[in-house]
């Protein structure tokens, strides 16, 4: 082997090296710029090429993405044993508690900020349609975002469930148990209707037996004495109903694509903790209806959920690595894309085939955006937190795909 060839070969970075470096860089950026008050927000910069933060955005999704970030940090700790990850988990749970404390009723807030935060005004303007409420939190004035949706609950509890599964410290588990119990008790007390302080209902879980079961399963996981009976009662008739419910959801594989992330994290919480072979079999049947719909969508997050629930698969697992490498090629800012007239189209704003990951719409969590979407995005002012990379990457590390 010539010295020139050997030198060139030594400079070729292996995929695992690229991914590890990206994970470190994305996490460092997230910690520096996306947690101004402890829960996930996305910065708005003065210009697309500026590093100066002018405001913050996407405060209405703090609960769901902070939950996903907690899951990512948990898998990071499992993969590395890092003390930094350990303390990040503790901090994250403490900050998530504020999303429940701030409302004063155990209602989950979409997001919150100190009233005197320099970012409070811009977030309040953007989230005005969801309702901005004043409160006291830890003795200081605060504002919180209402109109809480089902996806905020599911993402919030997803993260806490993952942390409880893998972290055996009794102090941390006690904190998770208390937070999950308060959150679910609120839903049960309100008969699965999410009521705001003025009595209005922002959403209900009445039509989603799969989501009710998933939430109660998380409750049973962390507090069996309190939630085992409600879960079993719901499961008695509900487990079989999950099949038609999900079957109806997947009829449209493009519109409201975020629904597929909700199915993924709900079934993940539901199936992996199920002890009954009969009911687990029903849940798996429902899950496979969903999985057959999305298994060719090029989705690293969904692939990792499938790895946990269905075990190793050489083709899928190799694809996951390639999808994560494709994510690395995406810009971190929300520059617009428009592939209309460029790729074959099969309907309004729909490509015939999934777009490559690097060509998809720039957004906060790419895996919940339709891979067929032809155009969208912004002007490059908003930066993504990168939780959509960190979560599947660290799951892949834990399950030895990388």
Foldseek 3Di string as FASTA:
>chain_A
DDPVVVVVVVPDDDLVVVLVVVLVVLQVCLVVAQCPPQFGWWFFAPALPDPHGDATDPQLQRLLLLLLVLLLLLLVCLLPVDPVSVVNNVSSLVSQLCQQVFQVQSQGFSHKDFPPDPHVVVHCVNQVVQPWDWGADPRGIMITGHLDDLSSVLSNLLSLLSNCVRDDPVVSLVSSLVSLVSNVVSCVVVVQFRAHPVGDTSDGCPLPLLQVLLSLLSNCSSPVVPRVVVNVVSLPPSLLVLQVSLLVVLPDCAPQLLVLVSLLSSLLSNQVSDDDPVSNVSSVNSVVSSCVSCVQQLALVSLLSCCVRPNDDVVSLVSNSVLLVLLSLADQFQQKFACVVPADADDDQFHPGFDRQNRDGNDQASRSHGSGGGIDTDHSRIGHSCSNNSSSVSSCSSSVSD
